[in-house]
Amino acid sequence: MIETGTFLDLDMSTLGAGVRGFWRWWTDELAALLPQRWRNAQARLGGTVLVWRGAATGFSGLAGAAPVAAAPGAPVTVLVDAALVLERRCPLPVARADDLRRLVALDIDRLSPFSADDAWADVVAEGAAPVEGMVAAHIAFLPKSVATDLAGAVADRALRPLAVGLLAPDGATRRFDFLPAMQAAGLLPRGSSARGWWWGAVALLFALNLGLFIYRDVASVARVQALVEAQRPAAAIARRLAASVAREDAARAGLWSRRRGGDPLGTLALIAHALPPGAWIERLSISGSAVRFSGYKQPEVDVLRPLRATGRLSGLRTATSDVAADTGTGQPFDISGERVMVP
């Protein structure tokens, strides 16, 4: 047999005991969150109430009355006569109910005249103790001899006990519960409880709800996937159209940029409108953004100032070479510069 070193190596009985222990711990944690009045409601007397007064007397009703007849298998709440149980109050460390029970069970010989083999103990926290970090605990010790006689009487009458405890001062609820300890020792059988069925139904419904949620989530994802697959051809066409439109936009932008950067008529119109009277152009050269033009002007005419005032030409300067000779019609000029692009 291959050992994995995990919980898969556990046998079913050990695994079941672990699951039951976890379930008890979880339900105790949930019960600790409930208001105190709701927790007291869990200890109400249920079924037929019988008081155990010892092997010599047997069962009786509350306040010493004759016990109510209970059919075999009927649910009963057994209350042990207080004279058969040892009770004491003492401070204990603050802890959960299960931890307090284990603490008392380990220290039973110090807290009582019994040993761990002679009695069972149950504890109830009754509030904070005067000492910080301690809780006022009410402890009850049930001798195992009394429990054995009680278990024999229950078996003889074929009863189904719901709880084994002491009558609370209010007369309507019980204190303590020795039934789990007696069942763990084999004195009383573990009877089926409607509460267990209800918890099982809750767990089943939760699992069904979770399964339905997962199924609906998977179905929703499948529907979205089917919709995506159905729209895939249309999406491909839309992507191709979008790419074509983007290419057309880029081509138009490039064409517009080239037209703005290489428009000779616009440049000629700009220079012609900017030239003052008494000056005229004979030659115009445009190469990209570079502009060079030459012509004639009257001696008193300033050509560069109005051209600079347009703000559309920069770096204007008069050429120092290749200047035509002065004629009788006017003074020659040769100017070069850069066009300023306007968005």
C-alpha atoms as a PDB file:
ATOM      1  CA  MET A   1       0.000   0.000   0.000  1.00  0.00           C
ATOM      2  CA  ILE A   2       1.351   3.408  -0.991  1.00  0.00           C
ATOM      3  CA  GLU A   3       1.399   5.956   1.818  1.00  0.00           C
ATOM      4  CA  THR A   4       0.971   9.572   0.790  1.00  0.00           C
ATOM      5  CA  GLY A   5       1.449  11.160   4.210  1.00  0.00           C
ATOM      6  CA  THR A   6      -1.896  12.983   3.831  1.00  0.00           C
ATOM      7  CA  PHE A   7      -5.476  12.464   5.004  1.00  0.00           C
ATOM      8  CA  LEU A   8      -5.875   9.932   2.162  1.00  0.00           C
ATOM      9  CA  ASP A   9      -4.040   7.420   4.384  1.00  0.00           C
ATOM     10  CA  LEU A  10      -6.753   7.575   7.098  1.00  0.00           C
ATOM     11  CA  ASP A  11      -9.214   4.745   7.530  1.00  0.00           C
ATOM     12  CA  MET A  12     -12.910   5.575   7.303  1.00  0.00           C
ATOM     13  CA  SER A  13     -13.562   5.359  11.057  1.00  0.00           C
ATOM     14  CA  THR A  14     -10.761   7.818  11.857  1.00  0.00           C
ATOM     15  CA  LEU A  15     -11.859  10.103   9.038  1.00  0.00           C
ATOM     16  CA  GLY A  16     -15.476   9.949  10.225  1.00  0.00           C
ATOM     17  CA  ALA A  17     -14.442  10.781  13.794  1.00  0.00           C
ATOM     18  CA  GLY A  18     -12.456  13.743  12.506  1.00  0.00           C
ATOM     19  CA  VAL A  19     -15.396  14.983  10.453  1.00  0.00           C
ATOM     20  CA  ARG A  20     -17.745  14.656  13.442  1.00  0.00           C
ATOM     21  CA  GLY A  21     -15.272  16.515  15.629  1.00  0.00           C
ATOM     22  CA  PHE A  22     -14.981  19.279  13.086  1.00  0.00           C
ATOM     23  CA  TRP A  23     -18.779  19.474  12.787  1.00  0.00           C
ATOM     24  CA  ARG A  24     -19.210  19.757  16.559  1.00  0.00           C
ATOM     25  CA  TRP A  25     -16.537  22.448  16.686  1.00  0.00           C
ATOM     26  CA  TRP A  26     -18.166  24.388  13.865  1.00  0.00           C
ATOM     27  CA  THR A  27     -21.659  24.218  15.326  1.00  0.00           C
ATOM     28  CA  ASP A  28     -20.316  25.269  18.734  1.00  0.00           C
ATOM     29  CA  GLU A  29     -18.606  28.255  17.110  1.00  0.00           C
ATOM     30  CA  LEU A  30     -21.863  29.229  15.403  1.00  0.00           C
ATOM     31  CA  ALA A  31     -23.816  28.739  18.617  1.00  0.00           C
ATOM     32  CA  ALA A  32     -21.380  31.026  20.453  1.00  0.00           C
ATOM     33  CA  LEU A  33     -22.376  33.810  18.067  1.00  0.00           C
ATOM     34  CA  LEU A  34     -26.057  33.532  18.983  1.00  0.00           C
ATOM     35  CA  PRO A  35     -27.626  35.833  21.598  1.00  0.00           C
ATOM     36  CA  GLN A  36     -27.782  34.379  25.092  1.00  0.00           C
ATOM     37  CA  ARG A  37     -31.587  34.041  25.032  1.00  0.00           C
ATOM     38  CA  TRP A  38     -31.373  31.921  21.883  1.00  0.00           C
ATOM     39  CA  ARG A  39     -28.698  29.711  23.416  1.00  0.00           C
ATOM     40  CA  ASN A  40     -30.917  29.221  26.463  1.00  0.00           C
ATOM     41  CA  ALA A  41     -33.717  28.128  24.131  1.00  0.00           C
ATOM     42  CA  GLN A  42     -31.570  25.200  22.993  1.00  0.00           C
ATOM     43  CA  ALA A  43     -31.622  23.853  26.538  1.00  0.00           C
ATOM     44  CA  ARG A  44     -35.420  23.859  26.893  1.00  0.00           C
ATOM     45  CA  LEU A  45     -36.984  20.658  28.140  1.00  0.00           C
ATOM     46  CA  GLY A  46     -38.091  18.546  25.208  1.00  0.00           C
ATOM     47  CA  GLY A  47     -40.158  15.401  25.005  1.00  0.00           C
ATOM     48  CA  THR A  48     -41.241  13.690  28.219  1.00  0.00           C
ATOM     49  CA  VAL A  49     -39.385  14.978  31.272  1.00  0.00           C
ATOM     50  CA  LEU A  50     -38.180  12.307  33.715  1.00  0.00           C
ATOM     51  CA  VAL A  51     -36.182  12.835  36.918  1.00  0.00           C
ATOM     52  CA  TRP A  52     -33.706  10.127  37.862  1.00  0.00           C
ATOM     53  CA  ARG A  53     -33.544   9.746  41.640  1.00  0.00           C
ATOM     54  CA  GLY A  54     -31.241   6.739  41.883  1.00  0.00           C
ATOM     55  CA  ALA A  55     -31.405   3.002  41.336  1.00  0.00           C
ATOM     56  CA  ALA A  56     -33.585   2.483  44.411  1.00  0.00           C
ATOM     57  CA  THR A  57     -36.277   5.001  43.428  1.00  0.00           C
ATOM     58  CA  GLY A  58     -36.009   5.084  39.649  1.00  0.00           C
ATOM     59  CA  PHE A  59     -37.734   7.728  37.579  1.00  0.00           C
ATOM     60  CA  SER A  60     -40.241  10.259  38.806  1.00  0.00           C
ATOM     61  CA  GLY A  61     -41.875  13.360  37.433  1.00  0.00           C
ATOM     62  CA  LEU A  62     -40.987  16.942  38.222  1.00  0.00           C
ATOM     63  CA  ALA A  63     -41.453  17.990  41.849  1.00  0.00           C
ATOM     64  CA  GLY A  64     -41.613  14.347  42.926  1.00  0.00           C
ATOM     65  CA  ALA A  65     -44.729  13.515  40.925  1.00  0.00           C
ATOM     66  CA  ALA A  66     -45.242  10.108  39.381  1.00  0.00           C
ATOM     67  CA  PRO A  67     -43.460   9.786  36.061  1.00  0.00           C
ATOM     68  CA  VAL A  68     -45.499  10.223  32.910  1.00  0.00           C
ATOM     69  CA  ALA A  69     -45.803   7.002  30.936  1.00  0.00           C
ATOM     70  CA  ALA A  70     -43.520   7.052  27.878  1.00  0.00           C
ATOM     71  CA  ALA A  71     -43.870   4.600  25.030  1.00  0.00           C
ATOM     72  CA  PRO A  72     -40.784   2.640  23.924  1.00  0.00           C
ATOM     73  CA  GLY A  73     -38.653   4.799  21.673  1.00  0.00           C
ATOM     74  CA  ALA A  74     -40.282   7.999  22.905  1.00  0.00           C
ATOM     75  CA  PRO A  75     -37.994  11.042  23.241  1.00  0.00           C
ATOM     76  CA  VAL A  76     -37.326  12.008  26.854  1.00  0.00           C
ATOM     77  CA  THR A  77     -35.273  14.571  28.715  1.00  0.00           C
ATOM     78  CA  VAL A  78     -33.666  12.974  31.766  1.00  0.00           C
ATOM     79  CA  LEU A  79     -32.904  15.226  34.734  1.00  0.00           C
ATOM     80  CA  VAL A  80     -30.633  13.772  37.415  1.00  0.00           C
ATOM     81  CA  ASP A  81     -31.554  14.519  41.007  1.00  0.00           C
ATOM     82  CA  ALA A  82     -29.243  17.237  42.302  1.00  0.00           C
ATOM     83  CA  ALA A  83     -28.459  15.083  45.348  1.00  0.00           C
ATOM     84  CA  LEU A  84     -26.703  12.566  43.064  1.00  0.00           C
ATOM     85  CA  VAL A  85     -24.475  15.161  41.393  1.00  0.00           C
ATOM     86  CA  LEU A  86     -21.618  17.208  42.821  1.00  0.00           C
ATOM     87  CA  GLU A  87     -21.666  20.881  41.811  1.00  0.00           C
ATOM     88  CA  ARG A  88     -19.108  23.597  42.397  1.00  0.00           C
ATOM     89  CA  ARG A  89     -18.200  27.013  41.071  1.00  0.00           C
ATOM     90  CA  CYS A  90     -14.659  28.175  40.420  1.00  0.00           C
ATOM     91  CA  PRO A  91     -12.763  30.486  38.058  1.00  0.00           C
ATOM     92  CA  LEU A  92     -11.295  28.970  34.912  1.00  0.00           C
ATOM     93  CA  PRO A  93      -9.332  30.476  32.012  1.00  0.00           C
ATOM     94  CA  VAL A  94     -11.414  32.054  29.265  1.00  0.00           C
ATOM     95  CA  ALA A  95     -11.886  29.437  26.541  1.00  0.00           C
ATOM     96  CA  ARG A  96     -14.478  27.832  24.302  1.00  0.00           C
ATOM     97  CA  ALA A  97     -16.986  25.404  25.788  1.00  0.00           C
ATOM     98  CA  ASP A  98     -15.203  22.311  24.416  1.00  0.00           C
ATOM     99  CA  ASP A  99     -11.863  23.533  25.699  1.00  0.00           C
ATOM    100  CA  LEU A 100     -13.339  24.148  29.149  1.00  0.00           C
ATOM    101  CA  ARG A 101     -14.733  20.597  29.210  1.00  0.00           C
ATOM    102  CA  ARG A 102     -11.363  19.138  28.260  1.00  0.00           C
ATOM    103  CA  LEU A 103      -9.654  21.285  30.877  1.00  0.00           C
ATOM    104  CA  VAL A 104     -12.017  20.082  33.600  1.00  0.00           C
ATOM    105  CA  ALA A 105     -11.672  16.454  32.449  1.00  0.00           C
ATOM    106  CA  LEU A 106      -7.875  16.685  32.687  1.00  0.00           C
ATOM    107  CA  ASP A 107      -8.021  18.328  36.105  1.00  0.00           C
ATOM    108  CA  ILE A 108     -11.014  16.460  37.544  1.00  0.00           C
ATOM    109  CA  ASP A 109      -9.063  14.923  40.429  1.00  0.00           C
ATOM    110  CA  ARG A 110      -8.063  18.400  41.649  1.00  0.00           C
ATOM    111  CA  LEU A 111     -11.475  19.997  41.175  1.00  0.00           C
ATOM    112  CA  SER A 112     -13.454  17.148  42.769  1.00  0.00           C
ATOM    113  CA  PRO A 113     -13.046  14.106  45.010  1.00  0.00           C
ATOM    114  CA  PHE A 114     -13.442  11.888  41.919  1.00  0.00           C
ATOM    115  CA  SER A 115     -10.851  10.586  39.523  1.00  0.00           C
ATOM    116  CA  ALA A 116     -11.193  10.633  35.759  1.00  0.00           C
ATOM    117  CA  ASP A 117     -12.302   6.960  35.899  1.00  0.00           C
ATOM    118  CA  ASP A 118     -15.055   7.618  38.435  1.00  0.00           C
ATOM    119  CA  ALA A 119     -17.078  10.539  37.046  1.00  0.00           C
ATOM    120  CA  TRP A 120     -17.923  12.674  34.073  1.00  0.00           C
ATOM    121  CA  ALA A 121     -17.911  16.438  34.209  1.00  0.00           C
ATOM    122  CA  ASP A 122     -19.685  19.181  32.353  1.00  0.00           C
ATOM    123  CA  VAL A 123     -19.071  22.912  32.686  1.00  0.00           C
ATOM    124  CA  VAL A 124     -21.036  26.061  31.920  1.00  0.00           C
ATOM    125  CA  ALA A 125     -19.505  29.547  31.811  1.00  0.00           C
ATOM    126  CA  GLU A 126     -21.630  31.984  33.819  1.00  0.00           C
ATOM    127  CA  GLY A 127     -19.792  35.234  33.145  1.00  0.00           C
ATOM    128  CA  ALA A 128     -16.542  37.003  33.792  1.00  0.00           C
ATOM    129  CA  ALA A 129     -14.616  36.257  36.965  1.00  0.00           C
ATOM    130  CA  PRO A 130     -13.127  39.002  39.174  1.00  0.00           C
ATOM    131  CA  VAL A 131      -9.680  37.978  37.945  1.00  0.00           C
ATOM    132  CA  GLU A 132      -8.804  39.248  34.472  1.00  0.00           C
ATOM    133  CA  GLY A 133      -8.621  36.539  31.822  1.00  0.00           C
ATOM    134  CA  MET A 134     -10.766  34.147  33.898  1.00  0.00           C
ATOM    135  CA  VAL A 135     -14.388  33.110  33.639  1.00  0.00           C
ATOM    136  CA  ALA A 136     -16.789  32.081  36.409  1.00  0.00           C
ATOM    137  CA  ALA A 137     -17.446  28.403  35.695  1.00  0.00           C
ATOM    138  CA  HIS A 138     -20.250  26.198  37.064  1.00  0.00           C
ATOM    139  CA  ILE A 139     -19.105  22.560  37.065  1.00  0.00           C
ATOM    140  CA  ALA A 140     -21.174  19.427  37.632  1.00  0.00           C
ATOM    141  CA  PHE A 141     -19.665  15.965  38.298  1.00  0.00           C
ATOM    142  CA  LEU A 142     -21.805  12.899  37.531  1.00  0.00           C
ATOM    143  CA  PRO A 143     -20.505   9.652  39.107  1.00  0.00           C
ATOM    144  CA  LYS A 144     -20.209   6.887  36.561  1.00  0.00           C
ATOM    145  CA  SER A 145     -21.993   4.486  38.896  1.00  0.00           C
ATOM    146  CA  VAL A 146     -25.062   6.740  38.828  1.00  0.00           C
ATOM    147  CA  ALA A 147     -24.769   7.046  35.051  1.00  0.00           C
ATOM    148  CA  THR A 148     -24.546   3.265  34.675  1.00  0.00           C
ATOM    149  CA  ASP A 149     -27.734   2.738  36.695  1.00  0.00           C
ATOM    150  CA  LEU A 150     -29.451   5.469  34.678  1.00  0.00           C
ATOM    151  CA  ALA A 151     -28.382   3.903  31.383  1.00  0.00           C
ATOM    152  CA  GLY A 152     -29.725   0.510  32.490  1.00  0.00           C
ATOM    153  CA  ALA A 153     -33.103   2.023  33.376  1.00  0.00           C
ATOM    154  CA  VAL A 154     -33.278   3.836  30.032  1.00  0.00           C
ATOM    155  CA  ALA A 155     -32.440   0.603  28.174  1.00  0.00           C
ATOM    156  CA  ASP A 156     -35.065  -1.362  30.134  1.00  0.00           C
ATOM    157  CA  ARG A 157     -37.782   1.098  29.140  1.00  0.00           C
ATOM    158  CA  ALA A 158     -36.402   1.486  25.555  1.00  0.00           C
ATOM    159  CA  LEU A 159     -36.412   5.270  25.825  1.00  0.00           C
ATOM    160  CA  ARG A 160     -34.649   7.697  23.536  1.00  0.00           C
ATOM    161  CA  PRO A 161     -32.988  10.372  25.678  1.00  0.00           C
ATOM    162  CA  LEU A 162     -32.567  13.815  24.171  1.00  0.00           C
ATOM    163  CA  ALA A 163     -30.378  15.116  26.998  1.00  0.00           C
ATOM    164  CA  VAL A 164     -29.159  14.152  30.471  1.00  0.00           C
ATOM    165  CA  GLY A 165     -28.701  17.093  32.795  1.00  0.00           C
ATOM    166  CA  LEU A 166     -29.925  19.019  35.823  1.00  0.00           C
ATOM    167  CA  LEU A 167     -33.031  21.138  36.175  1.00  0.00           C
ATOM    168  CA  ALA A 168     -32.271  24.870  35.908  1.00  0.00           C
ATOM    169  CA  PRO A 169     -33.660  27.291  38.535  1.00  0.00           C
ATOM    170  CA  ASP A 170     -36.242  28.623  36.052  1.00  0.00           C
ATOM    171  CA  GLY A 171     -37.915  25.195  35.961  1.00  0.00           C
ATOM    172  CA  ALA A 172     -38.206  25.266  32.144  1.00  0.00           C
ATOM    173  CA  THR A 173     -34.649  24.586  31.019  1.00  0.00           C
ATOM    174  CA  ARG A 174     -31.845  22.260  31.943  1.00  0.00           C
ATOM    175  CA  ARG A 175     -28.256  22.804  32.906  1.00  0.00           C
ATOM    176  CA  PHE A 176     -25.382  20.667  31.658  1.00  0.00           C
ATOM    177  CA  ASP A 177     -25.621  17.699  29.328  1.00  0.00           C
ATOM    178  CA  PHE A 178     -23.934  14.392  30.139  1.00  0.00           C
ATOM    179  CA  LEU A 179     -25.507  12.585  27.189  1.00  0.00           C
ATOM    180  CA  PRO A 180     -22.525  12.987  24.779  1.00  0.00           C
ATOM    181  CA  ALA A 181     -20.116  11.558  27.377  1.00  0.00           C
ATOM    182  CA  MET A 182     -22.423   8.613  28.105  1.00  0.00           C
ATOM    183  CA  GLN A 183     -22.855   7.932  24.383  1.00  0.00           C
ATOM    184  CA  ALA A 184     -19.090   8.139  23.800  1.00  0.00           C
ATOM    185  CA  ALA A 185     -18.605   5.564  26.593  1.00  0.00           C
ATOM    186  CA  GLY A 186     -21.191   3.249  25.016  1.00  0.00           C
ATOM    187  CA  LEU A 187     -23.692   3.457  27.895  1.00  0.00           C
ATOM    188  CA  LEU A 188     -26.356   4.949  25.645  1.00  0.00           C
ATOM    189  CA  PRO A 189     -26.771   4.423  21.892  1.00  0.00           C
ATOM    190  CA  ARG A 190     -26.326   7.276  19.499  1.00  0.00           C
ATOM    191  CA  GLY A 191     -29.905   7.808  18.420  1.00  0.00           C
ATOM    192  CA  SER A 192     -30.843   9.580  15.234  1.00  0.00           C
ATOM    193  CA  SER A 193     -31.989  13.131  15.748  1.00  0.00           C
ATOM    194  CA  ALA A 194     -34.256  15.265  13.626  1.00  0.00           C
ATOM    195  CA  ARG A 195     -31.723  18.025  14.070  1.00  0.00           C
ATOM    196  CA  GLY A 196     -29.145  15.925  12.251  1.00  0.00           C
ATOM    197  CA  TRP A 197     -31.556  15.401   9.377  1.00  0.00           C
ATOM    198  CA  TRP A 198     -32.248  19.113   9.230  1.00  0.00           C
ATOM    199  CA  TRP A 199     -28.542  19.898   9.213  1.00  0.00           C
ATOM    200  CA  GLY A 200     -28.072  17.311   6.491  1.00  0.00           C
ATOM    201  CA  ALA A 201     -30.870  18.936   4.483  1.00  0.00           C
ATOM    202  CA  VAL A 202     -29.216  22.326   4.941  1.00  0.00           C
ATOM    203  CA  ALA A 203     -25.880  20.926   3.768  1.00  0.00           C
ATOM    204  CA  LEU A 204     -27.569  19.246   0.789  1.00  0.00           C
ATOM    205  CA  LEU A 205     -29.381  22.433  -0.191  1.00  0.00           C
ATOM    206  CA  PHE A 206     -26.166  24.404   0.163  1.00  0.00           C
ATOM    207  CA  ALA A 207     -24.366  21.928  -2.095  1.00  0.00           C
ATOM    208  CA  LEU A 208     -27.221  22.075  -4.612  1.00  0.00           C
ATOM    209  CA  ASN A 209     -27.185  25.858  -4.501  1.00  0.00           C
ATOM    210  CA  LEU A 210     -23.433  25.904  -5.049  1.00  0.00           C
ATOM    211  CA  GLY A 211     -23.752  23.400  -7.898  1.00  0.00           C
ATOM    212  CA  LEU A 212     -26.528  25.463  -9.486  1.00  0.00           C
ATOM    213  CA  PHE A 213     -24.417  28.589  -9.177  1.00  0.00           C
ATOM    214  CA  ILE A 214     -21.476  26.859 -10.868  1.00  0.00           C
ATOM    215  CA  TYR A 215     -23.740  25.456 -13.583  1.00  0.00           C
ATOM    216  CA  ARG A 216     -25.263  28.865 -14.307  1.00  0.00           C
ATOM    217  CA  ASP A 217     -21.824  30.452 -14.380  1.00  0.00           C
ATOM    218  CA  VAL A 218     -20.542  27.820 -16.829  1.00  0.00           C
ATOM    219  CA  ALA A 219     -23.692  28.191 -18.948  1.00  0.00           C
ATOM    220  CA  SER A 220     -23.286  31.972 -18.978  1.00  0.00           C
ATOM    221  CA  VAL A 221     -19.670  31.656 -20.111  1.00  0.00           C
ATOM    222  CA  ALA A 222     -20.750  29.172 -22.791  1.00  0.00           C
ATOM    223  CA  ARG A 223     -23.443  31.575 -24.035  1.00  0.00           C
ATOM    224  CA  VAL A 224     -20.939  34.420 -24.237  1.00  0.00           C
ATOM    225  CA  GLN A 225     -18.482  32.145 -26.051  1.00  0.00           C
ATOM    226  CA  ALA A 226     -21.188  31.103 -28.535  1.00  0.00           C
ATOM    227  CA  LEU A 227     -22.109  34.757 -29.099  1.00  0.00           C
ATOM    228  CA  VAL A 228     -18.460  35.617 -29.704  1.00  0.00           C
ATOM    229  CA  GLU A 229     -18.119  32.755 -32.181  1.00  0.00           C
ATOM    230  CA  ALA A 230     -21.322  33.839 -33.963  1.00  0.00           C
ATOM    231  CA  GLN A 231     -20.079  37.411 -34.252  1.00  0.00           C
ATOM    232  CA  ARG A 232     -16.557  36.449 -35.289  1.00  0.00           C
ATOM    233  CA  PRO A 233     -17.147  36.846 -39.116  1.00  0.00           C
ATOM    234  CA  ALA A 234     -18.835  40.227 -38.633  1.00  0.00           C
ATOM    235  CA  ALA A 235     -16.071  41.299 -36.257  1.00  0.00           C
ATOM    236  CA  ALA A 236     -13.423  40.285 -38.816  1.00  0.00           C
ATOM    237  CA  ILE A 237     -15.177  42.363 -41.485  1.00  0.00           C
ATOM    238  CA  ALA A 238     -15.451  45.283 -39.069  1.00  0.00           C
ATOM    239  CA  ARG A 239     -11.744  45.026 -38.248  1.00  0.00           C
ATOM    240  CA  ARG A 240     -10.860  44.991 -41.957  1.00  0.00           C
ATOM    241  CA  LEU A 241     -13.077  48.008 -42.585  1.00  0.00           C
ATOM    242  CA  ALA A 242     -11.562  49.823 -39.607  1.00  0.00           C
ATOM    243  CA  ALA A 243      -8.049  49.087 -40.912  1.00  0.00           C
ATOM    244  CA  SER A 244      -9.036  50.327 -44.378  1.00  0.00           C
ATOM    245  CA  VAL A 245     -10.502  53.522 -42.939  1.00  0.00           C
ATOM    246  CA  ALA A 246      -7.339  54.047 -40.870  1.00  0.00           C
ATOM    247  CA  ARG A 247      -5.176  53.616 -43.981  1.00  0.00           C
ATOM    248  CA  GLU A 248      -7.368  56.065 -45.909  1.00  0.00           C
ATOM    249  CA  ASP A 249      -7.142  58.591 -43.086  1.00  0.00           C
ATOM    250  CA  ALA A 250      -3.365  58.227 -43.010  1.00  0.00           C
ATOM    251  CA  ALA A 251      -3.180  58.669 -46.790  1.00  0.00           C
ATOM    252  CA  ARG A 252      -5.384  61.772 -46.654  1.00  0.00           C
ATOM    253  CA  ALA A 253      -3.320  63.221 -43.825  1.00  0.00           C
ATOM    254  CA  GLY A 254      -0.117  62.607 -45.770  1.00  0.00           C
ATOM    255  CA  LEU A 255      -1.581  64.119 -48.922  1.00  0.00           C
ATOM    256  CA  TRP A 256      -2.799  67.162 -47.023  1.00  0.00           C
ATOM    257  CA  SER A 257       0.604  67.557 -45.394  1.00  0.00           C
ATOM    258  CA  ARG A 258       2.342  67.322 -48.752  1.00  0.00           C
ATOM    259  CA  ARG A 259      -0.054  69.810 -50.286  1.00  0.00           C
ATOM    260  CA  ARG A 260       0.490  72.261 -47.453  1.00  0.00           C
ATOM    261  CA  GLY A 261       4.239  71.820 -47.660  1.00  0.00           C
ATOM    262  CA  GLY A 262       4.530  72.033 -51.443  1.00  0.00           C
ATOM    263  CA  ASP A 263       1.895  74.587 -52.512  1.00  0.00           C
ATOM    264  CA  PRO A 264       3.759  76.969 -54.881  1.00  0.00           C
ATOM    265  CA  LEU A 265       0.699  79.079 -55.639  1.00  0.00           C
ATOM    266  CA  GLY A 266       0.098  79.785 -51.970  1.00  0.00           C
ATOM    267  CA  THR A 267       3.718  80.779 -51.477  1.00  0.00           C
ATOM    268  CA  LEU A 268       3.636  82.982 -54.583  1.00  0.00           C
ATOM    269  CA  ALA A 269       0.434  84.632 -53.405  1.00  0.00           C
ATOM    270  CA  LEU A 270       1.936  85.247 -49.955  1.00  0.00           C
ATOM    271  CA  ILE A 271       5.056  86.898 -51.359  1.00  0.00           C
ATOM    272  CA  ALA A 272       3.138  88.856 -53.977  1.00  0.00           C
ATOM    273  CA  HIS A 273       0.745  90.305 -51.393  1.00  0.00           C
ATOM    274  CA  ALA A 274       3.587  91.091 -48.994  1.00  0.00           C
ATOM    275  CA  LEU A 275       5.825  92.882 -51.516  1.00  0.00           C
ATOM    276  CA  PRO A 276       5.485  96.664 -51.220  1.00  0.00           C
ATOM    277  CA  PRO A 277       4.742  98.851 -54.242  1.00  0.00           C
ATOM    278  CA  GLY A 278       7.841  99.551 -56.288  1.00  0.00           C
ATOM    279  CA  ALA A 279       9.125  95.948 -56.120  1.00  0.00           C
ATOM    280  CA  TRP A 280       8.480  93.020 -58.392  1.00  0.00           C
ATOM    281  CA  ILE A 281       9.643  89.418 -58.775  1.00  0.00           C
ATOM    282  CA  GLU A 282      11.261  87.931 -61.798  1.00  0.00           C
ATOM    283  CA  ARG A 283      12.293  84.496 -60.456  1.00  0.00           C
ATOM    284  CA  LEU A 284      10.837  82.231 -57.729  1.00  0.00           C
ATOM    285  CA  SER A 285      12.331  78.908 -56.551  1.00  0.00           C
ATOM    286  CA  ILE A 286      10.630  76.580 -54.036  1.00  0.00           C
ATOM    287  CA  SER A 287      12.276  73.408 -52.737  1.00  0.00           C
ATOM    288  CA  GLY A 288      10.432  71.857 -49.803  1.00  0.00           C
ATOM    289  CA  SER A 289      10.206  74.609 -47.234  1.00  0.00           C
ATOM    290  CA  ALA A 290      13.124  76.595 -48.735  1.00  0.00           C
ATOM    291  CA  VAL A 291      12.141  79.648 -50.767  1.00  0.00           C
ATOM    292  CA  ARG A 292      14.322  81.846 -52.935  1.00  0.00           C
ATOM    293  CA  PHE A 293      13.100  84.705 -55.089  1.00  0.00           C
ATOM    294  CA  SER A 294      14.726  87.574 -56.927  1.00  0.00           C
ATOM    295  CA  GLY A 295      13.593  90.685 -58.762  1.00  0.00           C
ATOM    296  CA  TYR A 296      13.903  94.484 -58.800  1.00  0.00           C
ATOM    297  CA  LYS A 297      12.845  97.304 -56.515  1.00  0.00           C
ATOM    298  CA  GLN A 298      13.044 101.032 -56.329  1.00  0.00           C
ATOM    299  CA  PRO A 299      16.047 102.271 -54.316  1.00  0.00           C
ATOM    300  CA  GLU A 300      13.884 103.631 -51.458  1.00  0.00           C
ATOM    301  CA  VAL A 301      11.750 100.425 -51.080  1.00  0.00           C
ATOM    302  CA  ASP A 302      12.456  98.009 -48.177  1.00  0.00           C
ATOM    303  CA  VAL A 303      11.510  94.469 -49.237  1.00  0.00           C
ATOM    304  CA  LEU A 304      12.560  92.465 -46.164  1.00  0.00           C
ATOM    305  CA  ARG A 305      10.467  94.315 -43.533  1.00  0.00           C
ATOM    306  CA  PRO A 306       6.981  93.608 -44.983  1.00  0.00           C
ATOM    307  CA  LEU A 307       7.974  90.006 -45.733  1.00  0.00           C
ATOM    308  CA  ARG A 308       9.075  89.462 -42.118  1.00  0.00           C
ATOM    309  CA  ALA A 309       5.849  91.118 -40.902  1.00  0.00           C
ATOM    310  CA  THR A 310       3.755  88.341 -42.432  1.00  0.00           C
ATOM    311  CA  GLY A 311       5.085  85.803 -39.909  1.00  0.00           C
ATOM    312  CA  ARG A 312       4.934  83.132 -42.608  1.00  0.00           C
ATOM    313  CA  LEU A 313       8.572  83.425 -43.675  1.00  0.00           C
ATOM    314  CA  SER A 314      11.564  82.940 -41.410  1.00  0.00           C
ATOM    315  CA  GLY A 315      15.317  83.275 -41.801  1.00  0.00           C
ATOM    316  CA  LEU A 316      14.990  85.836 -44.577  1.00  0.00           C
ATOM    317  CA  ARG A 317      18.319  87.049 -45.809  1.00  0.00           C
ATOM    318  CA  THR A 318      19.747  88.718 -48.920  1.00  0.00           C
ATOM    319  CA  ALA A 319      21.951  86.504 -51.051  1.00  0.00           C
ATOM    320  CA  THR A 320      25.568  87.664 -51.295  1.00  0.00           C
ATOM    321  CA  SER A 321      26.272  85.946 -54.554  1.00  0.00           C
ATOM    322  CA  ASP A 322      24.738  85.692 -57.995  1.00  0.00           C
ATOM    323  CA  VAL A 323      23.270  89.249 -57.754  1.00  0.00           C
ATOM    324  CA  ALA A 324      22.273  90.864 -61.043  1.00  0.00           C
ATOM    325  CA  ALA A 325      23.838  94.180 -61.982  1.00  0.00           C
ATOM    326  CA  ASP A 326      21.990  97.395 -61.300  1.00  0.00           C
ATOM    327  CA  THR A 327      19.951  98.598 -64.264  1.00  0.00           C
ATOM    328  CA  GLY A 328      18.073 101.708 -65.018  1.00  0.00           C
ATOM    329  CA  THR A 329      14.739 100.071 -64.194  1.00  0.00           C
ATOM    330  CA  GLY A 330      15.516  99.343 -60.564  1.00  0.00           C
ATOM    331  CA  GLN A 331      17.816  97.894 -57.939  1.00  0.00           C
ATOM    332  CA  PRO A 332      18.046  94.081 -58.026  1.00  0.00           C
ATOM    333  CA  PHE A 333      17.439  91.890 -54.953  1.00  0.00           C
ATOM    334  CA  ASP A 334      17.874  88.181 -54.224  1.00  0.00           C
ATOM    335  CA  ILE A 335      16.239  86.895 -51.005  1.00  0.00           C
ATOM    336  CA  SER A 336      16.115  83.362 -49.520  1.00  0.00           C
ATOM    337  CA  GLY A 337      14.325  81.986 -46.449  1.00  0.00           C
ATOM    338  CA  GLU A 338      12.094  79.241 -44.985  1.00  0.00           C
ATOM    339  CA  ARG A 339       8.331  78.930 -45.035  1.00  0.00           C
ATOM    340  CA  VAL A 340       6.632  78.615 -41.647  1.00  0.00           C
ATOM    341  CA  MET A 341       4.044  75.800 -41.668  1.00  0.00           C
ATOM    342  CA  VAL A 342       0.678  76.795 -40.239  1.00  0.00           C
ATOM    343  CA  PRO A 343      -1.535  73.937 -39.025  1.00  0.00           C
END
